[in-house]
Amino acid sequence: MRLLLATLFCAPLLSQAATLAVCTEASPDGFDVVQYNSLTTTNASADMLMNRLVEFDAEQGKLLPSLAHSWSVSDDGLVYDFQLRDDVQFHHNADFAPSRNLSAQDVLFSFQRMLDAQNPWHKVATSGYPHAQSMQWPSLIAKVEAVGDQHVRITLTRRDATFLSTLSMGFASIYPAEYADKLLAAGTPEKLNSAPIGSGPFVFERFQKDAVVRYSANPDYFGGKPAMDKVIFAITPDSNVRLQKLRRGECQIALSPKPQDAQAIAGDATLKSAQTAAFMTAFVGINSQHPPLDKPQVRQAINLAFDKASYVKAVFEGSAEPANGPYPPNTWSYAKDLPGYAHDPAKARALLAEAGLKDGFKTTIWTRPSGSLLNPNPSLGAQLLQADLAKVGIAAEIRVIEWGELIRRAKAGEHDLLFMGWAGDNGDPDNFLTPQFACASVQSGLNFARYCDEALDKLIADGKQSSDQAERSRLYHDAQKIIQQQALWLPLAHPTAFALLSSKVEGYKVSPFGRQNFAAVQMAP
């Protein structure tokens, strides 16, 4: 058996109370993170309020203990034993005060509500559990057991090389079973979403949609009380306004700035920027279930029609690398030898004619109203795509849809062409393939191409079951070939992740996965 151990980690403390204001680009969908899949929601809930059994450290590139201080894996790769910390306290609010620390019962509750259709909490998530479903947890996890008060055993039905990494994702956050029992008995299960309780570095105070989320520091946090006594998410959809608020001192951190904003502050001694290569891909999802987009030639024609180089230059302004497929180039199974689709309108028209559409067709382009890291200028991007498609005879109507509504309807498969992006949560290449291209992800809604293919699905499944990285790379290389040949996406760009900061902010690091950690942030005098 392999036993993994690590030391405790602590956040630095400040002698003076302080408030950190963070300008964010959108409201979270809610705070019961298992129900949602947007990064905005993960940032506001899982990153601030919750912990997982393990966490992925992007700098070290490895998993670290969190709620589990150690774990072991059986030789056959099917049985995982986790030893839990005994000093983890859950938050309390006006309606709830925990009577005990974290125990195995909390892990059982958090998993079983997603896995067991008969669990009374299962139906509370009216839209299901998109990540758990996409990761095929109901068929993967045979059972979750409390071997002791601080000992959890998870048994799988098959080997899965990605399972431990998946446990670091936001949807694998651990909730207090005591609080859930209290809410269910009171007939108010919705409060798990609106009045969340976790064990994380910050405690939820209140949320005003499209305005603000307020948090206070958790004085009992097992990692050490955060330096900032208060954190405020000031929801500010317009990136220009986020920058203005930063300049006025109304925010100390502005997330998802436009690329030129980082250049604009270069001469301002009161501001600074932080950046890293993002483990993300911006793309246009092509709904393969909507005729005539169900024809490979049509999807290929869309890829050929688009002038990607001009798009990346105009929208990302030199802060991104053009994408050739789903993986960022720093992924260990990245297929760098795939040919891609060079800009070729003549060939695009020929493919449309081959598909019986020499006169073109009508379609729609969906995009969000406000900019984000993966889509800094939604209006310009959609207009560029619309213009290029028109040149080959495709008349595309642009529809601007509020972010939450866009996600909900896209998961239902209502879109034709959809500006979207994906951030890998844990450094494993499967975190792009299973959510975005597995058959199970069509049902959960995360597969925005709405494409299910037995050969592709088998490559993804086989890759997860292999413990040999070279073998996994070979399988994922073949999967990337199918994805490109079928033109399931119009890959756009791999961006640089930026944040703009007050020069007084210390200890903040930009995550390549888009996750947020404010527990170690301090404000210099």
Protein backbone atom coordinates (compact mmCIF):
# COMPACT_ATOMS: atom_id res chain seq x y z
CA MET A 1 0.00 0.00 0.00
CA ARG A 2 1.12 3.57 -0.65
CA LEU A 3 0.85 5.97 2.24
CA LEU A 4 0.92 9.73 1.71
CA LEU A 5 1.61 12.11 4.55
CA ALA A 6 2.25 15.85 4.77
CA THR A 7 2.71 18.52 7.36
CA LEU A 8 0.14 21.11 8.41
CA PHE A 9 -0.03 24.41 6.65
CA CYS A 10 -0.72 27.78 8.19
CA ALA A 11 -1.82 31.14 6.83
CA PRO A 12 0.00 34.25 8.06
CA LEU A 13 -1.63 36.53 10.60
CA LEU A 14 -1.82 40.31 10.79
CA SER A 15 -1.90 42.34 13.96
CA GLN A 16 -4.51 44.76 12.61
CA ALA A 17 -8.02 44.04 11.40
CA ALA A 18 -8.52 44.60 7.68
CA THR A 19 -11.07 44.30 4.89
CA LEU A 20 -10.29 43.08 1.40
CA ALA A 21 -12.59 44.12 -1.45
CA VAL A 22 -12.41 42.01 -4.62
CA CYS A 23 -14.07 43.18 -7.82
CA THR A 24 -15.51 40.09 -9.55
CA GLU A 25 -17.24 39.84 -12.92
CA ALA A 26 -20.49 37.97 -12.17
CA SER A 27 -22.81 36.67 -9.47
CA PRO A 28 -22.45 33.06 -8.38
CA ASP A 29 -25.30 30.75 -9.37
CA GLY A 30 -25.59 29.81 -5.70
CA PHE A 31 -23.43 28.43 -2.90
CA ASP A 32 -24.23 24.71 -2.98
CA VAL A 33 -21.37 24.19 -5.38
CA VAL A 34 -22.25 20.58 -6.27
CA GLN A 35 -25.26 21.83 -8.24
CA TYR A 36 -23.30 24.11 -10.57
CA ASN A 37 -20.35 24.09 -12.92
CA SER A 38 -19.29 27.73 -13.41
CA LEU A 39 -15.93 28.92 -12.12
CA THR A 40 -17.62 32.03 -10.71
CA THR A 41 -19.68 29.82 -8.41
CA THR A 42 -16.69 27.68 -7.42
CA ASN A 43 -14.75 30.83 -6.50
CA ALA A 44 -17.55 32.23 -4.34
CA SER A 45 -18.42 28.97 -2.59
CA ALA A 46 -15.87 26.15 -2.67
CA ASP A 47 -12.82 28.42 -2.63
CA MET A 48 -14.04 30.68 0.17
CA LEU A 49 -16.19 28.47 2.39
CA MET A 50 -15.27 24.84 1.85
CA ASN A 51 -12.51 22.26 1.97
CA ARG A 52 -11.96 18.96 0.22
CA LEU A 53 -10.28 15.77 1.38
CA VAL A 54 -7.25 16.78 -0.67
CA GLU A 55 -6.13 19.94 -2.47
CA PHE A 56 -4.06 20.34 -5.64
CA ASP A 57 -1.08 22.68 -5.31
CA ALA A 58 -0.51 24.26 -8.71
CA GLU A 59 2.99 25.50 -7.88
CA GLN A 60 4.21 22.11 -6.71
CA GLY A 61 2.08 20.23 -9.21
CA LYS A 62 0.90 17.68 -6.68
CA LEU A 63 -1.90 16.79 -4.30
CA LEU A 64 -1.63 17.88 -0.68
CA PRO A 65 -3.62 16.86 2.39
CA SER A 66 -6.54 18.99 3.49
CA LEU A 67 -9.42 17.50 5.50
CA ALA A 68 -7.66 14.16 5.16
CA HIS A 69 -4.21 14.30 6.73
CA SER A 70 -3.18 11.06 5.03
CA TRP A 71 -4.50 8.41 2.69
CA SER A 72 -3.59 5.06 1.20
CA VAL A 73 -4.54 3.23 -1.99
CA SER A 74 -4.80 -0.53 -2.37
CA ASP A 75 -2.49 -2.29 -4.80
CA ASP A 76 -5.35 -2.92 -7.23
CA GLY A 77 -6.25 0.78 -7.20
CA LEU A 78 -9.84 0.18 -6.06
CA VAL A 79 -9.83 1.00 -2.33
CA TYR A 80 -8.97 4.42 -0.93
CA ASP A 81 -8.63 4.93 2.82
CA PHE A 82 -8.62 8.48 4.18
CA GLN A 83 -7.64 9.45 7.72
CA LEU A 84 -9.41 12.69 8.66
CA ARG A 85 -8.09 15.51 10.77
CA ASP A 86 -9.76 15.69 14.19
CA ASP A 87 -9.40 19.48 14.63
CA VAL A 88 -11.67 20.71 11.82
CA GLN A 89 -14.58 22.85 13.01
CA PHE A 90 -17.53 23.80 10.82
CA HIS A 91 -18.84 27.35 10.70
CA HIS A 92 -21.88 28.46 12.63
CA ASN A 93 -24.60 30.97 11.82
CA ALA A 94 -27.71 32.33 13.50
CA ASP A 95 -29.57 29.05 12.96
CA PHE A 96 -26.80 26.49 13.43
CA ALA A 97 -24.00 25.73 15.86
CA PRO A 98 -22.12 22.46 15.28
CA SER A 99 -21.95 20.08 18.24
CA ARG A 100 -18.85 18.26 16.97
CA ASN A 101 -15.85 18.53 14.70
CA LEU A 102 -15.54 17.01 11.23
CA SER A 103 -16.14 13.27 11.15
CA ALA A 104 -16.58 10.50 8.63
CA GLN A 105 -20.34 11.11 8.69
CA ASP A 106 -19.84 14.46 6.96
CA VAL A 107 -17.90 12.84 4.13
CA LEU A 108 -20.59 10.17 3.75
CA PHE A 109 -23.33 12.78 3.54
CA SER A 110 -21.42 14.89 1.01
CA PHE A 111 -20.84 11.92 -1.30
CA GLN A 112 -24.08 9.99 -0.87
CA ARG A 113 -26.32 12.93 -1.72
CA MET A 114 -24.68 12.94 -5.17
CA LEU A 115 -24.49 9.18 -5.64
CA ASP A 116 -27.65 7.71 -4.15
CA ALA A 117 -30.91 8.50 -5.93
CA GLN A 118 -32.80 7.35 -2.81
CA ASN A 119 -30.98 9.77 -0.53
CA PRO A 120 -33.47 12.42 0.68
CA TRP A 121 -31.03 15.14 -0.39
CA HIS A 122 -30.56 13.81 -3.90
CA LYS A 123 -33.65 15.45 -5.34
CA VAL A 124 -32.82 18.82 -3.74
CA ALA A 125 -30.54 19.57 -6.68
CA THR A 126 -33.25 20.15 -9.28
CA SER A 127 -30.71 20.28 -12.12
CA GLY A 128 -28.76 17.29 -10.86
CA TYR A 129 -25.08 17.09 -10.02
CA PRO A 130 -23.29 18.02 -13.26
CA HIS A 131 -19.70 17.33 -12.23
CA ALA A 132 -20.46 14.09 -10.39
CA GLN A 133 -22.48 12.90 -13.36
CA SER A 134 -19.86 13.95 -15.90
CA MET A 135 -17.11 12.25 -13.89
CA GLN A 136 -19.34 9.15 -13.85
CA TRP A 137 -19.18 8.89 -10.08
CA PRO A 138 -22.49 6.98 -9.71
CA SER A 139 -21.02 4.07 -11.68
CA LEU A 140 -17.42 4.55 -10.53
CA ILE A 141 -17.93 4.63 -6.75
CA ALA A 142 -19.19 1.32 -5.38
CA LYS A 143 -19.50 2.47 -1.77
CA VAL A 144 -18.41 5.07 0.76
CA GLU A 145 -17.98 3.77 4.32
CA ALA A 146 -17.22 5.17 7.76
CA VAL A 147 -14.65 2.70 9.05
CA GLY A 148 -14.25 4.84 12.17
CA ASP A 149 -15.08 8.37 13.33
CA GLN A 150 -12.07 9.77 11.43
CA HIS A 151 -11.59 7.01 8.83
CA VAL A 152 -13.37 6.95 5.48
CA ARG A 153 -13.06 4.19 2.90
CA ILE A 154 -14.09 4.70 -0.72
CA THR A 155 -14.29 1.62 -2.94
CA LEU A 156 -14.34 1.96 -6.71
CA THR A 157 -15.84 -0.39 -9.26
CA ARG A 158 -12.85 0.09 -11.57
CA ARG A 159 -9.39 1.60 -11.47
CA ASP A 160 -9.40 5.34 -12.12
CA ALA A 161 -6.07 7.16 -12.31
CA THR A 162 -7.84 10.53 -12.03
CA PHE A 163 -9.89 9.83 -8.90
CA LEU A 164 -7.60 11.44 -6.32
CA SER A 165 -7.14 14.54 -8.47
CA THR A 166 -10.89 14.80 -8.95
CA LEU A 167 -11.31 14.94 -5.16
CA SER A 168 -9.61 18.36 -5.21
CA MET A 169 -12.32 19.86 -7.42
CA GLY A 170 -14.87 22.24 -5.96
CA PHE A 171 -17.80 19.86 -6.29
CA ALA A 172 -16.02 17.40 -3.94
CA SER A 173 -16.33 19.86 -1.04
CA ILE A 174 -17.36 18.41 2.31
CA TYR A 175 -20.53 19.70 4.00
CA PRO A 176 -21.65 19.23 7.63
CA ALA A 177 -24.15 16.38 7.95
CA GLU A 178 -25.52 17.92 11.16
CA TYR A 179 -26.54 21.09 9.34
CA ALA A 180 -28.11 19.10 6.52
CA ASP A 181 -30.14 17.04 8.98
CA LYS A 182 -31.36 20.20 10.70
CA LEU A 183 -32.42 21.81 7.42
CA LEU A 184 -34.20 18.69 6.19
CA ALA A 185 -36.09 18.33 9.49
CA ALA A 186 -37.15 21.98 9.26
CA GLY A 187 -38.28 21.61 5.66
CA THR A 188 -35.74 24.21 4.48
CA PRO A 189 -33.13 22.26 2.46
CA GLU A 190 -32.73 25.25 0.12
CA LYS A 191 -30.76 27.00 2.87
CA LEU A 192 -27.77 24.79 2.09
CA ASN A 193 -27.61 26.89 -1.08
CA SER A 194 -28.57 30.29 0.34
CA ALA A 195 -27.05 30.06 3.84
CA PRO A 196 -24.04 27.77 3.32
CA ILE A 197 -21.93 26.24 6.09
CA GLY A 198 -18.44 24.92 5.47
CA SER A 199 -15.10 24.51 7.21
CA GLY A 200 -13.08 26.85 5.01
CA PRO A 201 -11.07 30.00 5.70
CA PHE A 202 -14.04 32.35 5.44
CA VAL A 203 -17.59 32.35 6.79
CA PHE A 204 -20.57 33.35 4.66
CA GLU A 205 -22.40 36.47 5.84
CA ARG A 206 -24.79 37.53 3.09
CA PHE A 207 -25.33 37.77 -0.65
CA GLN A 208 -27.11 40.40 -2.72
CA LYS A 209 -27.44 39.20 -6.32
CA ASP A 210 -25.55 41.27 -8.87
CA ALA A 211 -24.19 43.46 -6.07
CA VAL A 212 -22.11 41.91 -3.30
CA VAL A 213 -21.09 38.79 -1.36
CA ARG A 214 -19.80 39.35 2.18
CA TYR A 215 -17.55 37.03 4.16
CA SER A 216 -15.80 37.14 7.53
CA ALA A 217 -12.62 35.35 8.54
CA ASN A 218 -13.02 31.97 10.20
CA PRO A 219 -11.23 32.36 13.56
CA ASP A 220 -11.23 28.59 14.04
CA TYR A 221 -9.83 27.66 10.63
CA PHE A 222 -7.55 24.65 10.94
CA GLY A 223 -5.08 26.29 8.56
CA GLY A 224 -4.86 29.40 10.71
CA LYS A 225 -7.11 32.45 10.81
CA PRO A 226 -6.87 34.43 7.55
CA ALA A 227 -5.09 37.76 7.66
CA MET A 228 -8.13 39.68 6.42
CA ASP A 229 -11.02 39.96 8.87
CA LYS A 230 -13.52 40.66 6.08
CA VAL A 231 -13.67 39.89 2.37
CA ILE A 232 -16.17 41.51 0.04
CA PHE A 233 -16.89 40.36 -3.49
CA ALA A 234 -18.05 43.51 -5.29
CA ILE A 235 -19.87 42.10 -8.33
CA THR A 236 -18.90 44.38 -11.21
CA PRO A 237 -19.63 42.96 -14.70
CA ASP A 238 -17.92 45.76 -16.64
CA SER A 239 -14.12 45.37 -16.69
CA ASN A 240 -13.68 49.13 -17.19
CA VAL A 241 -15.65 49.79 -14.02
CA ARG A 242 -13.60 47.17 -12.17
CA LEU A 243 -10.45 49.07 -13.11
CA GLN A 244 -12.00 52.39 -12.07
CA LYS A 245 -12.95 50.94 -8.68
CA LEU A 246 -9.42 49.65 -8.24
CA ARG A 247 -7.97 53.08 -9.03
CA ARG A 248 -10.34 54.72 -6.52
CA GLY A 249 -9.45 52.22 -3.83
CA GLU A 250 -12.94 50.71 -3.74
CA CYS A 251 -11.39 47.35 -4.59
CA GLN A 252 -7.93 46.06 -3.77
CA ILE A 253 -8.08 43.20 -6.28
CA ALA A 254 -9.80 43.24 -9.69
CA LEU A 255 -10.31 39.85 -11.33
CA SER A 256 -10.63 39.09 -15.07
CA PRO A 257 -9.28 42.37 -16.40
CA LYS A 258 -9.06 43.07 -20.10
CA PRO A 259 -5.54 42.44 -21.44
CA GLN A 260 -4.97 46.15 -22.10
CA ASP A 261 -5.87 46.98 -18.49
CA ALA A 262 -2.66 45.31 -17.29
CA GLN A 263 -0.74 47.55 -19.69
CA ALA A 264 -2.72 50.63 -18.66
CA ILE A 265 -1.56 50.46 -15.05
CA ALA A 266 2.11 50.01 -15.92
CA GLY A 267 3.06 53.55 -14.87
CA ASP A 268 0.89 53.68 -11.75
CA ALA A 269 2.96 53.08 -8.61
CA THR A 270 -0.18 52.43 -6.56
CA LEU A 271 -1.20 49.42 -8.67
CA LYS A 272 0.39 46.21 -9.93
CA SER A 273 -0.57 43.12 -11.88
CA ALA A 274 -0.12 39.40 -11.29
CA GLN A 275 -0.25 36.81 -14.03
CA THR A 276 0.38 33.21 -15.00
CA ALA A 277 -0.19 30.96 -18.00
CA ALA A 278 -3.73 29.68 -17.55
CA PHE A 279 -4.58 25.98 -17.71
CA MET A 280 -7.63 26.92 -19.77
CA THR A 281 -9.07 26.91 -23.26
CA ALA A 282 -11.51 29.38 -24.77
CA PHE A 283 -13.67 27.83 -27.47
CA VAL A 284 -16.90 27.96 -29.42
CA GLY A 285 -18.96 24.87 -28.71
CA ILE A 286 -20.70 23.54 -31.82
CA ASN A 287 -23.94 21.73 -31.01
CA SER A 288 -23.64 18.51 -33.03
CA GLN A 289 -27.27 17.62 -32.30
CA HIS A 290 -28.65 20.64 -34.20
CA PRO A 291 -28.87 20.19 -38.00
CA PRO A 292 -26.97 21.05 -40.09
CA LEU A 293 -24.28 21.25 -37.39
CA ASP A 294 -24.65 17.47 -37.05
CA LYS A 295 -22.59 17.11 -40.25
CA PRO A 296 -18.79 16.98 -39.76
CA GLN A 297 -18.23 18.93 -43.00
CA VAL A 298 -20.29 21.83 -41.64
CA ARG A 299 -18.39 21.92 -38.35
CA GLN A 300 -15.10 21.73 -40.25
CA ALA A 301 -16.25 24.57 -42.52
CA ILE A 302 -16.94 26.76 -39.48
CA ASN A 303 -13.39 26.14 -38.25
CA LEU A 304 -11.93 26.94 -41.67
CA ALA A 305 -14.03 30.08 -42.10
CA PHE A 306 -12.81 31.74 -38.91
CA ASP A 307 -9.74 33.97 -38.94
CA LYS A 308 -8.48 32.87 -35.54
CA ALA A 309 -5.24 34.84 -35.65
CA SER A 310 -7.10 38.10 -36.15
CA TYR A 311 -9.56 37.17 -33.41
CA VAL A 312 -6.84 36.43 -30.84
CA LYS A 313 -5.00 39.64 -31.71
CA ALA A 314 -8.14 41.79 -31.47
CA VAL A 315 -9.79 40.23 -28.43
CA PHE A 316 -6.82 39.08 -26.31
CA GLU A 317 -4.35 41.74 -27.49
CA GLY A 318 -1.28 39.55 -27.36
CA SER A 319 -2.08 37.96 -24.00
CA ALA A 320 -3.15 34.57 -25.35
CA GLU A 321 -1.92 31.79 -27.60
CA PRO A 322 -4.18 30.55 -30.43
CA ALA A 323 -5.73 27.18 -29.56
CA ASN A 324 -5.53 24.15 -31.82
CA GLY A 325 -7.55 21.77 -29.65
CA PRO A 326 -8.95 21.30 -26.17
CA TYR A 327 -5.63 21.13 -24.30
CA PRO A 328 -3.35 24.01 -23.31
CA PRO A 329 0.21 23.39 -24.58
CA ASN A 330 1.50 22.82 -21.03
CA THR A 331 -0.65 19.68 -20.67
CA TRP A 332 1.47 16.54 -20.46
CA SER A 333 -0.52 14.73 -23.18
CA TYR A 334 -0.84 17.71 -25.55
CA ALA A 335 -0.84 16.58 -29.21
CA LYS A 336 1.38 19.21 -30.80
CA ASP A 337 1.49 17.46 -34.18
CA LEU A 338 -2.21 17.82 -35.06
CA PRO A 339 -2.66 19.94 -38.22
CA GLY A 340 -5.53 22.14 -37.06
CA TYR A 341 -7.69 24.26 -39.35
CA ALA A 342 -5.91 27.07 -41.17
CA HIS A 343 -8.05 30.01 -42.24
CA ASP A 344 -9.36 28.92 -45.66
CA PRO A 345 -12.75 30.39 -46.70
CA ALA A 346 -12.61 28.74 -50.14
CA LYS A 347 -12.22 25.29 -48.61
CA ALA A 348 -14.98 26.12 -46.13
CA ARG A 349 -17.38 26.92 -48.98
CA ALA A 350 -16.40 23.70 -50.75
CA LEU A 351 -17.19 21.65 -47.63
CA LEU A 352 -20.56 23.35 -47.26
CA ALA A 353 -21.35 22.48 -50.88
CA GLU A 354 -20.26 18.90 -50.22
CA ALA A 355 -22.71 18.83 -47.33
CA GLY A 356 -25.53 20.01 -49.64
CA LEU A 357 -25.42 23.59 -48.34
CA LYS A 358 -23.86 25.54 -51.19
CA ASP A 359 -26.27 28.40 -50.46
CA GLY A 360 -25.35 28.39 -46.79
CA PHE A 361 -27.72 28.26 -43.81
CA LYS A 362 -28.88 30.23 -40.79
CA THR A 363 -27.69 29.69 -37.24
CA THR A 364 -27.18 31.54 -33.94
CA ILE A 365 -24.17 32.60 -31.90
CA TRP A 366 -24.62 32.76 -28.14
CA THR A 367 -22.36 34.88 -25.96
CA ARG A 368 -22.35 36.57 -22.56
CA PRO A 369 -22.82 40.31 -21.98
CA SER A 370 -19.76 40.92 -19.79
CA GLY A 371 -16.11 40.07 -20.30
CA SER A 372 -14.18 37.35 -18.52
CA LEU A 373 -10.70 35.84 -18.60
CA LEU A 374 -11.77 33.36 -21.29
CA ASN A 375 -13.83 35.91 -23.22
CA PRO A 376 -12.44 39.43 -22.63
CA ASN A 377 -14.60 41.15 -25.24
CA PRO A 378 -17.75 39.07 -25.95
CA SER A 379 -19.33 41.57 -28.31
CA LEU A 380 -16.26 41.96 -30.53
CA GLY A 381 -15.58 38.22 -30.60
CA ALA A 382 -19.12 37.38 -31.65
CA GLN A 383 -19.07 40.06 -34.34
CA LEU A 384 -15.79 38.76 -35.77
CA LEU A 385 -17.18 35.21 -35.95
CA GLN A 386 -20.43 36.46 -37.46
CA ALA A 387 -18.56 38.39 -40.17
CA ASP A 388 -16.29 35.48 -41.10
CA LEU A 389 -19.20 33.04 -41.28
CA ALA A 390 -21.14 35.45 -43.50
CA LYS A 391 -18.25 35.38 -46.00
CA VAL A 392 -18.87 31.66 -46.61
CA GLY A 393 -22.68 31.95 -46.68
CA ILE A 394 -23.56 31.20 -43.05
CA ALA A 395 -25.94 33.81 -41.64
CA ALA A 396 -25.44 33.82 -37.85
CA GLU A 397 -27.59 35.85 -35.49
CA ILE A 398 -25.85 37.01 -32.31
CA ARG A 399 -27.77 36.48 -29.07
CA VAL A 400 -26.43 38.04 -25.88
CA ILE A 401 -27.64 36.11 -22.84
CA GLU A 402 -27.04 36.80 -19.15
CA TRP A 403 -24.36 34.46 -17.80
CA GLY A 404 -26.49 32.36 -15.45
CA GLU A 405 -29.23 31.96 -18.03
CA LEU A 406 -26.70 31.18 -20.76
CA ILE A 407 -25.17 28.36 -18.70
CA ARG A 408 -28.57 26.92 -17.80
CA ARG A 409 -29.86 26.89 -21.38
CA ALA A 410 -26.58 25.69 -22.87
CA LYS A 411 -26.53 22.73 -20.48
CA ALA A 412 -30.00 21.93 -21.82
CA GLY A 413 -28.56 21.91 -25.36
CA GLU A 414 -30.53 24.89 -26.69
CA HIS A 415 -27.55 26.63 -28.31
CA ASP A 416 -26.12 26.38 -31.83
CA LEU A 417 -22.73 28.08 -31.54
CA LEU A 418 -21.68 28.96 -28.00
CA PHE A 419 -18.76 31.10 -26.82
CA MET A 420 -17.49 29.22 -23.79
CA GLY A 421 -14.32 28.32 -21.93
CA TRP A 422 -13.02 25.51 -19.77
CA ALA A 423 -10.52 25.57 -16.92
CA GLY A 424 -8.87 22.36 -15.79
CA ASP A 425 -9.22 22.08 -12.02
CA ASN A 426 -6.43 19.71 -11.11
CA GLY A 427 -3.71 19.52 -13.76
CA ASP A 428 -4.88 16.18 -15.14
CA PRO A 429 -5.65 16.15 -18.89
CA ASP A 430 -8.75 14.05 -18.30
CA ASN A 431 -10.29 17.09 -16.65
CA PHE A 432 -10.83 18.44 -20.15
CA LEU A 433 -11.87 15.20 -21.86
CA THR A 434 -14.38 13.62 -19.49
CA PRO A 435 -16.42 16.77 -18.73
CA GLN A 436 -16.42 18.06 -22.31
CA PHE A 437 -16.46 14.98 -24.55
CA ALA A 438 -17.62 11.89 -22.64
CA CYS A 439 -21.09 10.51 -23.38
CA ALA A 440 -22.09 10.84 -19.72
CA SER A 441 -21.41 14.57 -19.99
CA VAL A 442 -24.09 14.98 -22.64
CA GLN A 443 -26.64 13.96 -20.05
CA SER A 444 -25.15 16.22 -17.36
CA GLY A 445 -25.00 19.14 -19.80
CA LEU A 446 -21.28 19.93 -19.61
CA ASN A 447 -20.58 18.42 -23.04
CA PHE A 448 -21.38 21.58 -25.00
CA ALA A 449 -20.68 19.83 -28.32
CA ARG A 450 -23.50 17.40 -27.40
CA TYR A 451 -21.41 14.66 -29.01
CA CYS A 452 -21.39 11.00 -27.96
CA ASP A 453 -19.15 8.57 -29.83
CA GLU A 454 -18.30 5.04 -28.69
CA ALA A 455 -14.71 5.15 -29.93
CA LEU A 456 -13.98 8.51 -28.29
CA ASP A 457 -15.74 7.46 -25.09
CA LYS A 458 -13.64 4.28 -24.90
CA LEU A 459 -10.38 6.20 -25.34
CA ILE A 460 -11.36 8.52 -22.49
CA ALA A 461 -12.41 5.62 -20.25
CA ASP A 462 -9.30 3.57 -21.01
CA GLY A 463 -7.10 6.56 -20.25
CA LYS A 464 -8.63 6.95 -16.82
CA GLN A 465 -8.09 3.29 -15.98
CA SER A 466 -4.41 3.21 -16.91
CA SER A 467 -1.75 4.09 -14.33
CA ASP A 468 0.94 4.41 -17.03
CA GLN A 469 1.35 8.04 -18.11
CA ALA A 470 2.86 7.10 -21.47
CA GLU A 471 -0.12 4.85 -22.22
CA ARG A 472 -2.54 7.56 -21.11
CA SER A 473 -0.77 10.06 -23.36
CA ARG A 474 -1.14 7.72 -26.34
CA LEU A 475 -4.85 7.25 -25.68
CA TYR A 476 -5.42 10.98 -25.18
CA HIS A 477 -3.48 11.74 -28.37
CA ASP A 478 -5.90 9.50 -30.27
CA ALA A 479 -8.83 11.19 -28.54
CA GLN A 480 -7.57 14.61 -29.63
CA LYS A 481 -7.40 13.34 -33.23
CA ILE A 482 -11.10 12.40 -33.16
CA ILE A 483 -12.08 15.70 -31.53
CA GLN A 484 -10.23 17.64 -34.21
CA GLN A 485 -11.36 15.51 -37.14
CA GLN A 486 -14.96 15.84 -36.00
CA ALA A 487 -14.47 19.58 -35.35
CA LEU A 488 -16.50 19.43 -32.13
CA TRP A 489 -15.15 22.79 -31.03
CA LEU A 490 -13.90 25.89 -32.71
CA PRO A 491 -10.86 26.23 -30.40
CA LEU A 492 -10.03 29.89 -29.78
CA ALA A 493 -7.23 30.62 -27.33
CA HIS A 494 -5.23 29.69 -24.26
CA PRO A 495 -5.18 32.91 -22.23
CA THR A 496 -2.84 34.40 -19.69
CA ALA A 497 -4.58 34.71 -16.33
CA PHE A 498 -4.32 38.24 -14.94
CA ALA A 499 -5.40 40.02 -11.79
CA LEU A 500 -4.92 43.71 -11.02
CA LEU A 501 -3.94 44.60 -7.47
CA SER A 502 -3.37 47.48 -5.17
CA SER A 503 0.36 47.75 -4.57
CA LYS A 504 -0.40 47.16 -0.88
CA VAL A 505 -1.71 43.65 -1.52
CA GLU A 506 0.71 40.92 -0.50
CA GLY A 507 0.42 37.14 -0.68
CA TYR A 508 -2.02 36.89 -3.60
CA LYS A 509 -1.15 34.46 -6.39
CA VAL A 510 -2.99 33.93 -9.67
CA SER A 511 -4.01 30.30 -10.13
CA PRO A 512 -3.61 28.70 -13.58
CA PHE A 513 -6.93 26.95 -12.85
CA GLY A 514 -8.84 30.14 -12.04
CA ARG A 515 -9.29 29.15 -8.39
CA GLN A 516 -9.09 31.84 -5.70
CA ASN A 517 -7.24 31.74 -2.38
CA PHE A 518 -7.47 34.83 -0.20
CA ALA A 519 -6.53 33.11 3.06
CA ALA A 520 -2.91 34.26 2.84
CA VAL A 521 -3.57 37.78 1.51
CA GLN A 522 -2.34 40.70 3.60
CA MET A 523 -2.45 44.46 3.18
CA ALA A 524 0.77 46.35 3.77
CA PRO A 525 0.50 49.63 5.76
